[in-house]
N, C-alpha and C. Protein backbone atom coordinates (compact mmCIF):
# COMPACT_ATOMS: atom_id res chain seq x y z
N UNK A 1 21.20 -0.95 3.38
CA UNK A 1 19.94 -1.61 3.05
C UNK A 1 18.91 -0.55 2.63
N UNK A 2 18.24 -0.80 1.52
CA UNK A 2 17.21 0.11 1.02
C UNK A 2 15.98 0.05 1.93
N UNK A 3 15.35 1.21 2.16
CA UNK A 3 14.20 1.29 3.07
C UNK A 3 13.08 0.33 2.73
N UNK A 4 12.80 0.12 1.44
CA UNK A 4 11.65 -0.73 1.12
C UNK A 4 11.89 -2.20 1.41
N UNK A 5 13.05 -2.55 1.86
CA UNK A 5 13.29 -3.93 2.32
C UNK A 5 13.11 -4.04 3.83
N UNK A 6 12.98 -2.93 4.50
CA UNK A 6 12.83 -2.95 5.96
C UNK A 6 11.38 -3.32 6.31
N UNK A 7 11.18 -4.05 7.40
CA UNK A 7 9.82 -4.39 7.84
C UNK A 7 9.01 -3.13 8.10
N UNK A 8 7.76 -3.13 7.65
CA UNK A 8 6.87 -2.00 7.88
C UNK A 8 6.89 -0.94 6.80
N UNK A 9 7.86 -1.01 5.86
CA UNK A 9 7.90 -0.01 4.80
C UNK A 9 6.71 -0.17 3.87
N UNK A 10 6.42 -1.41 3.51
CA UNK A 10 5.29 -1.70 2.63
C UNK A 10 4.32 -2.57 3.40
N UNK A 11 3.06 -2.20 3.37
CA UNK A 11 2.03 -2.95 4.10
C UNK A 11 0.91 -3.28 3.14
N UNK A 12 0.54 -4.56 3.06
CA UNK A 12 -0.62 -4.95 2.27
C UNK A 12 -1.89 -4.51 2.98
N UNK A 13 -2.95 -4.35 2.24
CA UNK A 13 -4.23 -3.99 2.84
C UNK A 13 -4.32 -2.52 3.19
N UNK A 14 -3.78 -1.68 2.37
CA UNK A 14 -3.81 -0.24 2.62
C UNK A 14 -5.23 0.30 2.53
N UNK A 15 -5.44 1.44 3.18
CA UNK A 15 -6.70 2.17 3.06
C UNK A 15 -6.42 3.39 2.21
N UNK A 16 -7.39 3.76 1.39
CA UNK A 16 -7.25 4.92 0.53
C UNK A 16 -8.26 5.98 0.97
N UNK A 17 -7.78 7.20 1.10
CA UNK A 17 -8.62 8.33 1.46
C UNK A 17 -8.82 9.16 0.19
N UNK A 18 -10.08 9.31 -0.22
CA UNK A 18 -10.41 10.04 -1.43
C UNK A 18 -11.21 11.29 -1.03
N UNK A 19 -10.74 12.44 -1.46
CA UNK A 19 -11.45 13.69 -1.19
C UNK A 19 -12.16 14.12 -2.46
N UNK A 20 -13.45 14.39 -2.34
CA UNK A 20 -14.25 14.85 -3.47
C UNK A 20 -14.71 16.27 -3.17
N UNK A 21 -14.37 17.19 -4.06
CA UNK A 21 -14.78 18.59 -3.92
C UNK A 21 -15.56 19.00 -5.16
N UNK A 22 -16.69 19.67 -4.94
CA UNK A 22 -17.50 20.19 -6.03
C UNK A 22 -17.51 21.71 -5.91
N UNK A 23 -17.11 22.38 -6.98
CA UNK A 23 -17.05 23.84 -7.00
C UNK A 23 -18.11 24.40 -7.93
N UNK A 24 -18.62 25.57 -7.57
CA UNK A 24 -19.53 26.31 -8.44
C UNK A 24 -18.69 27.18 -9.37
N UNK A 25 -18.91 27.06 -10.66
CA UNK A 25 -18.20 27.90 -11.61
C UNK A 25 -18.70 29.33 -11.52
N UNK A 26 -20.02 29.49 -11.31
CA UNK A 26 -20.59 30.84 -11.23
C UNK A 26 -20.04 31.64 -10.06
N UNK A 27 -20.03 31.02 -8.89
CA UNK A 27 -19.60 31.76 -7.69
C UNK A 27 -18.14 31.52 -7.33
N UNK A 28 -17.50 30.59 -8.03
CA UNK A 28 -16.10 30.24 -7.76
C UNK A 28 -15.90 29.86 -6.29
N UNK A 29 -16.86 29.06 -5.78
CA UNK A 29 -16.81 28.63 -4.38
C UNK A 29 -17.02 27.11 -4.28
N UNK A 30 -16.50 26.56 -3.22
CA UNK A 30 -16.73 25.16 -2.89
C UNK A 30 -18.17 25.01 -2.43
N UNK A 31 -18.93 24.11 -3.06
CA UNK A 31 -20.34 23.94 -2.69
C UNK A 31 -20.64 22.60 -2.02
N UNK A 32 -19.74 21.63 -2.17
CA UNK A 32 -19.94 20.33 -1.52
C UNK A 32 -18.59 19.63 -1.42
N UNK A 33 -18.36 18.94 -0.30
CA UNK A 33 -17.09 18.25 -0.10
C UNK A 33 -17.31 17.02 0.75
N UNK A 34 -16.54 15.99 0.48
CA UNK A 34 -16.61 14.76 1.28
C UNK A 34 -15.27 14.03 1.21
N UNK A 35 -15.01 13.26 2.25
CA UNK A 35 -13.84 12.39 2.28
C UNK A 35 -14.34 10.97 2.48
N UNK A 36 -13.90 10.07 1.62
CA UNK A 36 -14.27 8.66 1.75
C UNK A 36 -13.01 7.86 2.07
N UNK A 37 -13.20 6.78 2.80
CA UNK A 37 -12.10 5.87 3.13
C UNK A 37 -12.50 4.50 2.61
N UNK A 38 -11.62 3.89 1.87
CA UNK A 38 -11.92 2.58 1.30
C UNK A 38 -10.73 1.66 1.43
N UNK A 39 -10.98 0.39 1.73
CA UNK A 39 -9.86 -0.55 1.74
C UNK A 39 -9.37 -0.78 0.31
N UNK A 40 -8.19 -1.33 0.18
CA UNK A 40 -7.62 -1.58 -1.14
C UNK A 40 -8.57 -2.47 -1.95
N UNK A 41 -9.07 -1.99 -3.09
CA UNK A 41 -10.03 -2.77 -3.88
C UNK A 41 -9.32 -3.89 -4.65
N UNK A 42 -10.12 -4.86 -5.07
CA UNK A 42 -9.58 -5.97 -5.87
C UNK A 42 -9.11 -5.48 -7.24
N UNK A 43 -9.75 -4.41 -7.74
CA UNK A 43 -9.36 -3.85 -9.03
C UNK A 43 -9.60 -2.35 -9.00
N UNK A 44 -8.98 -1.65 -9.91
CA UNK A 44 -9.16 -0.20 -10.01
C UNK A 44 -10.62 0.13 -10.30
N UNK A 45 -11.23 -0.60 -11.23
CA UNK A 45 -12.63 -0.34 -11.60
C UNK A 45 -13.56 -0.56 -10.41
N UNK A 46 -13.30 -1.60 -9.62
CA UNK A 46 -14.12 -1.87 -8.44
C UNK A 46 -13.99 -0.71 -7.44
N UNK A 47 -12.80 -0.20 -7.28
CA UNK A 47 -12.58 0.92 -6.37
C UNK A 47 -13.30 2.17 -6.83
N UNK A 48 -13.21 2.48 -8.12
CA UNK A 48 -13.88 3.65 -8.68
C UNK A 48 -15.39 3.53 -8.53
N UNK A 49 -15.92 2.36 -8.86
CA UNK A 49 -17.37 2.14 -8.75
C UNK A 49 -17.85 2.31 -7.32
N UNK A 50 -17.10 1.78 -6.37
CA UNK A 50 -17.48 1.86 -4.96
C UNK A 50 -17.47 3.31 -4.47
N UNK A 51 -16.45 4.05 -4.84
CA UNK A 51 -16.35 5.45 -4.43
C UNK A 51 -17.47 6.27 -5.06
N UNK A 52 -17.72 6.08 -6.36
CA UNK A 52 -18.80 6.83 -7.03
C UNK A 52 -20.15 6.54 -6.41
N UNK A 53 -20.42 5.26 -6.12
CA UNK A 53 -21.69 4.88 -5.51
C UNK A 53 -21.86 5.59 -4.17
N UNK A 54 -20.81 5.57 -3.35
CA UNK A 54 -20.86 6.18 -2.02
C UNK A 54 -21.05 7.69 -2.11
N UNK A 55 -20.33 8.35 -3.00
CA UNK A 55 -20.41 9.80 -3.14
C UNK A 55 -21.79 10.22 -3.64
N UNK A 56 -22.30 9.57 -4.66
CA UNK A 56 -23.62 9.91 -5.21
C UNK A 56 -24.71 9.68 -4.16
N UNK A 57 -24.62 8.58 -3.43
CA UNK A 57 -25.61 8.28 -2.39
C UNK A 57 -25.62 9.39 -1.33
N UNK A 58 -24.44 9.85 -0.91
CA UNK A 58 -24.37 10.91 0.09
C UNK A 58 -24.85 12.24 -0.46
N UNK A 59 -24.52 12.53 -1.72
CA UNK A 59 -24.98 13.78 -2.34
C UNK A 59 -26.50 13.82 -2.42
N UNK A 60 -27.12 12.68 -2.70
CA UNK A 60 -28.59 12.62 -2.72
C UNK A 60 -29.15 12.80 -1.32
N UNK A 61 -28.52 12.15 -0.34
CA UNK A 61 -28.97 12.25 1.04
C UNK A 61 -28.88 13.70 1.54
N UNK A 62 -27.82 14.40 1.12
CA UNK A 62 -27.64 15.80 1.52
C UNK A 62 -28.52 16.76 0.74
N UNK A 63 -29.25 16.26 -0.28
CA UNK A 63 -30.11 17.12 -1.08
C UNK A 63 -29.36 17.86 -2.17
N UNK A 64 -28.11 17.51 -2.38
CA UNK A 64 -27.32 18.17 -3.42
C UNK A 64 -27.69 17.66 -4.81
N UNK A 65 -28.05 16.38 -4.88
CA UNK A 65 -28.54 15.78 -6.13
C UNK A 65 -29.97 15.32 -5.92
N UNK A 66 -30.80 15.41 -6.94
CA UNK A 66 -32.17 14.93 -6.79
C UNK A 66 -32.20 13.40 -6.69
N UNK A 67 -33.10 12.90 -5.87
CA UNK A 67 -33.27 11.45 -5.76
C UNK A 67 -33.91 10.94 -7.05
N UNK A 68 -33.61 9.71 -7.38
CA UNK A 68 -34.17 9.11 -8.60
C UNK A 68 -35.68 8.93 -8.44
N UNK A 69 -36.40 9.32 -9.46
CA UNK A 69 -37.86 9.17 -9.44
C UNK A 69 -38.22 7.72 -9.71
N UNK A 70 -39.17 7.20 -8.91
CA UNK A 70 -39.63 5.83 -9.11
C UNK A 70 -40.66 5.81 -10.22
N UNK A 71 -40.61 4.80 -11.04
CA UNK A 71 -41.54 4.68 -12.16
C UNK A 71 -42.81 4.01 -11.76
């Protein structure tokens, strides 16, 4: 029997761990890093949008990116 037919081999509702690393080209060093955990998105685009939103929000909170100026 092939493993993927055994119970527990495949599980719906997976979680995805995404690691984001930002490196400085000038200093050749890691300058910011984060790990996000997300449930399986309804679509690839929804997953990408959710991860980008979360990463940018945290980068602003950490002072790595400037906050958006209010008009």
